C-alpha atoms as a PDB file:
ATOM      1  CA  MET A   1      39.228 131.903 340.252  1.00  0.00           C
ATOM      2  CA  LEU A   2      39.984 134.269 337.800  1.00  0.00           C
ATOM      3  CA  ALA A   3      36.827 136.671 338.109  1.00  0.00           C
ATOM      4  CA  GLU A   4      37.145 137.217 341.977  1.00  0.00           C
ATOM      5  CA  GLN A   5      40.696 138.697 340.809  1.00  0.00           C
ATOM      6  CA  ILE A   6      39.520 141.006 338.850  1.00  0.00           C
ATOM      7  CA  GLY A   7      39.542 144.356 340.802  1.00  0.00           C
ATOM      8  CA  ARG A   8      41.690 143.221 343.410  1.00  0.00           C
ATOM      9  CA  ASP A   9      45.061 141.946 342.401  1.00  0.00           C
ATOM     10  CA  ASP A  10      47.572 144.088 340.811  1.00  0.00           C
ATOM     11  CA  SER A  11      47.401 144.937 336.786  1.00  0.00           C
ATOM     12  CA  ALA A  12      50.695 142.603 336.307  1.00  0.00           C
ATOM     13  CA  THR A  13      48.778 139.280 338.022  1.00  0.00           C
ATOM     14  CA  PHE A  14      45.760 140.115 336.750  1.00  0.00           C
ATOM     15  CA  LYS A  15      47.145 140.436 333.283  1.00  0.00           C
ATOM     16  CA  SER A  16      49.018 137.074 333.552  1.00  0.00           C
ATOM     17  CA  ALA A  17      46.407 135.083 335.110  1.00  0.00           C
ATOM     18  CA  PHE A  18      43.995 136.374 332.550  1.00  0.00           C
ATOM     19  CA  GLU A  19      46.218 135.535 329.801  1.00  0.00           C
ATOM     20  CA  GLU A  20      47.323 131.915 330.814  1.00  0.00           C
ATOM     21  CA  GLU A  21      43.744 131.446 331.481  1.00  0.00           C
ATOM     22  CA  TYR A  22      42.224 132.288 328.273  1.00  0.00           C
ATOM     23  CA  LEU A  23      45.550 130.651 326.584  1.00  0.00           C
ATOM     24  CA  ALA A  24      44.898 127.644 327.957  1.00  0.00           C
ATOM     25  CA  LEU A  25      40.701 127.969 327.049  1.00  0.00           C
ATOM     26  CA  VAL A  26      41.396 128.356 323.743  1.00  0.00           C
ATOM     27  CA  GLY A  27      44.184 125.677 323.485  1.00  0.00           C
ATOM     28  CA  GLU A  28      43.080 122.880 325.255  1.00  0.00           C
ATOM     29  CA  LEU A  29      39.525 123.536 326.244  1.00  0.00           C
ATOM     30  CA  TRP A  30      38.210 125.194 322.438  1.00  0.00           C
ATOM     31  CA  PRO A  31      39.899 122.139 320.750  1.00  0.00           C
ATOM     32  CA  HIS A  32      38.480 119.641 323.210  1.00  0.00           C
ATOM     33  CA  MET A  33      35.110 119.994 322.815  1.00  0.00           C
ATOM     34  CA  ASP A  34      35.909 120.181 318.628  1.00  0.00           C
ATOM     35  CA  ALA A  35      37.360 116.661 319.339  1.00  0.00           C
ATOM     36  CA  VAL A  36      34.603 115.036 321.614  1.00  0.00           C
ATOM     37  CA  GLU A  37      31.960 116.593 319.109  1.00  0.00           C
ATOM     38  CA  ALA A  38      33.164 114.948 316.492  1.00  0.00           C
ATOM     39  CA  THR A  39      34.309 111.925 317.953  1.00  0.00           C
ATOM     40  CA  VAL A  40      32.528 110.744 321.589  1.00  0.00           C
ATOM     41  CA  TYR A  41      28.834 112.150 320.966  1.00  0.00           C
ATOM     42  CA  GLY A  42      27.971 110.321 317.846  1.00  0.00           C
ATOM     43  CA  GLU A  43      29.460 107.118 319.831  1.00  0.00           C
ATOM     44  CA  VAL A  44      27.249 107.857 322.991  1.00  0.00           C
ATOM     45  CA  GLU A  45      24.088 108.807 320.478  1.00  0.00           C
ATOM     46  CA  ARG A  46      24.629 105.520 318.344  1.00  0.00           C
ATOM     47  CA  LEU A  47      25.168 103.219 321.617  1.00  0.00           C
ATOM     48  CA  LEU A  48      22.041 104.590 323.272  1.00  0.00           C
ATOM     49  CA  ASP A  49      20.393 104.471 319.893  1.00  0.00           C
ATOM     50  CA  LEU A  50      19.088 108.414 320.487  1.00  0.00           C
ATOM     51  CA  PRO A  51      19.703 110.444 316.950  1.00  0.00           C
ATOM     52  CA  ASP A  52      20.191 113.846 318.470  1.00  0.00           C
ATOM     53  CA  SER A  53      20.602 112.827 322.382  1.00  0.00           C
ATOM     54  CA  MET A  54      23.754 114.664 322.844  1.00  0.00           C
ATOM     55  CA  ALA A  55      22.086 117.876 321.165  1.00  0.00           C
ATOM     56  CA  PRO A  56      21.865 119.661 325.000  1.00  0.00           C
ATOM     57  CA  MET A  57      25.584 118.874 325.083  1.00  0.00           C
ATOM     58  CA  ARG A  58      26.411 120.629 322.041  1.00  0.00           C
ATOM     59  CA  ARG A  59      24.068 123.507 322.968  1.00  0.00           C
ATOM     60  CA  GLU A  60      26.358 123.848 326.194  1.00  0.00           C
ATOM     61  CA  HIS A  61      29.795 124.049 324.317  1.00  0.00           C
ATOM     62  CA  ASP A  62      28.731 126.744 322.012  1.00  0.00           C
ATOM     63  CA  GLN A  63      27.792 128.605 324.984  1.00  0.00           C
ATOM     64  CA  MET A  64      31.148 127.962 326.061  1.00  0.00           C
ATOM     65  CA  ARG A  65      32.663 129.253 322.857  1.00  0.00           C
ATOM     66  CA  LYS A  66      30.535 132.333 323.146  1.00  0.00           C
ATOM     67  CA  LEU A  67      31.659 132.871 326.536  1.00  0.00           C
ATOM     68  CA  ILE A  68      35.661 132.535 325.503  1.00  0.00           C
ATOM     69  CA  ASP A  69      34.561 135.135 323.009  1.00  0.00           C
ATOM     70  CA  VAL A  70      33.507 137.260 325.528  1.00  0.00           C
ATOM     71  CA  MET A  71      37.570 136.596 327.321  1.00  0.00           C
ATOM     72  CA  ALA A  72      39.016 137.423 323.384  1.00  0.00           C
ATOM     73  CA  HIS A  73      36.875 140.986 323.590  1.00  0.00           C
ATOM     74  CA  TYR A  74      38.660 141.844 327.063  1.00  0.00           C
ATOM     75  CA  ARG A  75      41.614 140.489 326.624  1.00  0.00           C
ATOM     76  CA  SER A  76      43.236 144.029 324.635  1.00  0.00           C
ATOM     77  CA  HIS A  77      41.018 145.897 327.513  1.00  0.00           C
ATOM     78  CA  VAL A  78      43.019 143.831 330.005  1.00  0.00           C
ATOM     79  CA  ALA A  79      46.773 144.007 328.161  1.00  0.00           C
ATOM     80  CA  GLY A  80      46.347 148.091 328.220  1.00  0.00           C
ATOM     81  CA  ASP A  81      44.903 148.700 331.335  1.00  0.00           C
ATOM     82  CA  ARG A  82      41.831 149.491 329.914  1.00  0.00           C
ATOM     83  CA  LEU A  83      39.426 147.110 331.932  1.00  0.00           C
ATOM     84  CA  SER A  84      36.567 149.421 333.607  1.00  0.00           C
ATOM     85  CA  THR A  85      34.511 148.861 335.821  1.00  0.00           C
ATOM     86  CA  ILE A  86      31.695 148.183 333.736  1.00  0.00           C
ATOM     87  CA  ASP A  87      33.738 145.835 331.879  1.00  0.00           C
ATOM     88  CA  GLY A  88      35.519 144.521 334.946  1.00  0.00           C
ATOM     89  CA  LEU A  89      31.424 143.658 335.868  1.00  0.00           C
ATOM     90  CA  ALA A  90      30.995 142.084 332.228  1.00  0.00           C
ATOM     91  CA  LEU A  91      34.018 140.009 332.048  1.00  0.00           C
ATOM     92  CA  ARG A  92      33.163 138.434 335.995  1.00  0.00           C
ATOM     93  CA  ARG A  93      29.855 137.563 334.853  1.00  0.00           C
ATOM     94  CA  ALA A  94      31.205 135.964 331.754  1.00  0.00           C
ATOM     95  CA  LEU A  95      33.593 133.980 333.840  1.00  0.00           C
ATOM     96  CA  TYR A  96      31.244 132.470 336.151  1.00  0.00           C
ATOM     97  CA  ARG A  97      28.612 131.847 333.924  1.00  0.00           C
ATOM     98  CA  LEU A  98      31.580 130.135 331.853  1.00  0.00           C
ATOM     99  CA  TYR A  99      33.186 128.032 334.822  1.00  0.00           C
ATOM    100  CA  SER A 100      29.450 126.827 336.072  1.00  0.00           C
ATOM    101  CA  ILE A 101      28.425 125.394 332.954  1.00  0.00           C
ATOM    102  CA  LEU A 102      31.970 123.949 332.327  1.00  0.00           C
ATOM    103  CA  ARG A 103      31.364 121.495 335.835  1.00  0.00           C
ATOM    104  CA  VAL A 104      28.216 120.879 335.333  1.00  0.00           C
ATOM    105  CA  HIS A 105      29.177 119.881 331.842  1.00  0.00           C
ATOM    106  CA  LEU A 106      31.746 117.927 332.921  1.00  0.00           C
ATOM    107  CA  ALA A 107      30.525 116.270 335.297  1.00  0.00           C
ATOM    108  CA  GLU A 108      28.046 115.194 333.029  1.00  0.00           C
ATOM    109  CA  GLU A 109      30.515 114.015 330.365  1.00  0.00           C
ATOM    110  CA  GLY A 110      32.090 111.497 332.910  1.00  0.00           C
ATOM    111  CA  LEU A 111      28.479 109.516 333.120  1.00  0.00           C
ATOM    112  CA  TYR A 112      28.677 109.551 329.091  1.00  0.00           C
ATOM    113  CA  LEU A 113      32.529 108.272 329.180  1.00  0.00           C
ATOM    114  CA  GLU A 114      31.103 105.837 331.746  1.00  0.00           C
ATOM    115  CA  ILE A 115      28.018 104.851 329.125  1.00  0.00           C
ATOM    116  CA  LEU A 116      31.374 104.266 326.189  1.00  0.00           C
ATOM    117  CA  ASP A 117      33.370 102.250 328.928  1.00  0.00           C
ATOM    118  CA  ARG A 118      30.303  99.905 329.298  1.00  0.00           C
ATOM    119  CA  GLY A 119      29.511  99.854 324.927  1.00  0.00           C
ATOM    120  CA  LEU A 120      32.708  99.827 323.890  1.00  0.00           C
ATOM    121  CA  THR A 121      34.761  96.754 323.010  1.00  0.00           C
ATOM    122  CA  ASP A 122      38.526  97.730 324.230  1.00  0.00           C
ATOM    123  CA  GLN A 123      39.567  98.006 320.189  1.00  0.00           C
ATOM    124  CA  GLU A 124      36.443 100.293 319.694  1.00  0.00           C
ATOM    125  CA  LYS A 125      37.872 102.852 323.189  1.00  0.00           C
ATOM    126  CA  GLU A 126      41.085 102.218 321.332  1.00  0.00           C
ATOM    127  CA  SER A 127      40.126 103.882 317.763  1.00  0.00           C
ATOM    128  CA  LEU A 128      38.336 106.282 319.583  1.00  0.00           C
ATOM    129  CA  ALA A 129      40.716 107.660 321.672  1.00  0.00           C
ATOM    130  CA  ARG A 130      42.832 107.608 318.511  1.00  0.00           C
ATOM    131  CA  GLY A 131      40.121 110.225 316.995  1.00  0.00           C
ATOM    132  CA  ILE A 132      40.083 111.995 320.273  1.00  0.00           C
ATOM    133  CA  ASP A 133      43.656 112.573 320.091  1.00  0.00           C
ATOM    134  CA  HIS A 134      44.264 113.136 316.094  1.00  0.00           C
ATOM    135  CA  ALA A 135      40.819 115.445 316.461  1.00  0.00           C
ATOM    136  CA  THR A 136      42.561 117.562 319.033  1.00  0.00           C
ATOM    137  CA  THR A 137      46.175 117.482 317.558  1.00  0.00           C
ATOM    138  CA  GLU A 138      44.475 118.932 314.353  1.00  0.00           C
ATOM    139  CA  SER A 139      42.508 121.675 315.728  1.00  0.00           C
ATOM    140  CA  LEU A 140      45.296 123.105 317.140  1.00  0.00           C
END
């Protein structure tokens, strides 16, 4: 885990791991969150007949985006070998928060996917999948 590498791995190894993780988060996770909000969450709310029932999931996305923004703030510090001890603690805290939210969030998202699987026709599932693919591609 990246958070555990802070201050332990040599600078080049940590820089590489940080950059790889950051690029994956902004290039894959962020567009995924946007796509799911634009497509999946509305369908789940419709199937459950509970408007705004996905608001907690949207709030978690907002929290994750803010934590990715914290990474963005420290990105130049890491790249320039200017990550102080205090910076390292703050970054480690943000990363642990991000990973913990993400772990629980993905488990819960799996439950909602089961609702979609049971509640949608095959054609509706295909349409939703195309919408997610399109939204993800557009976000990149």
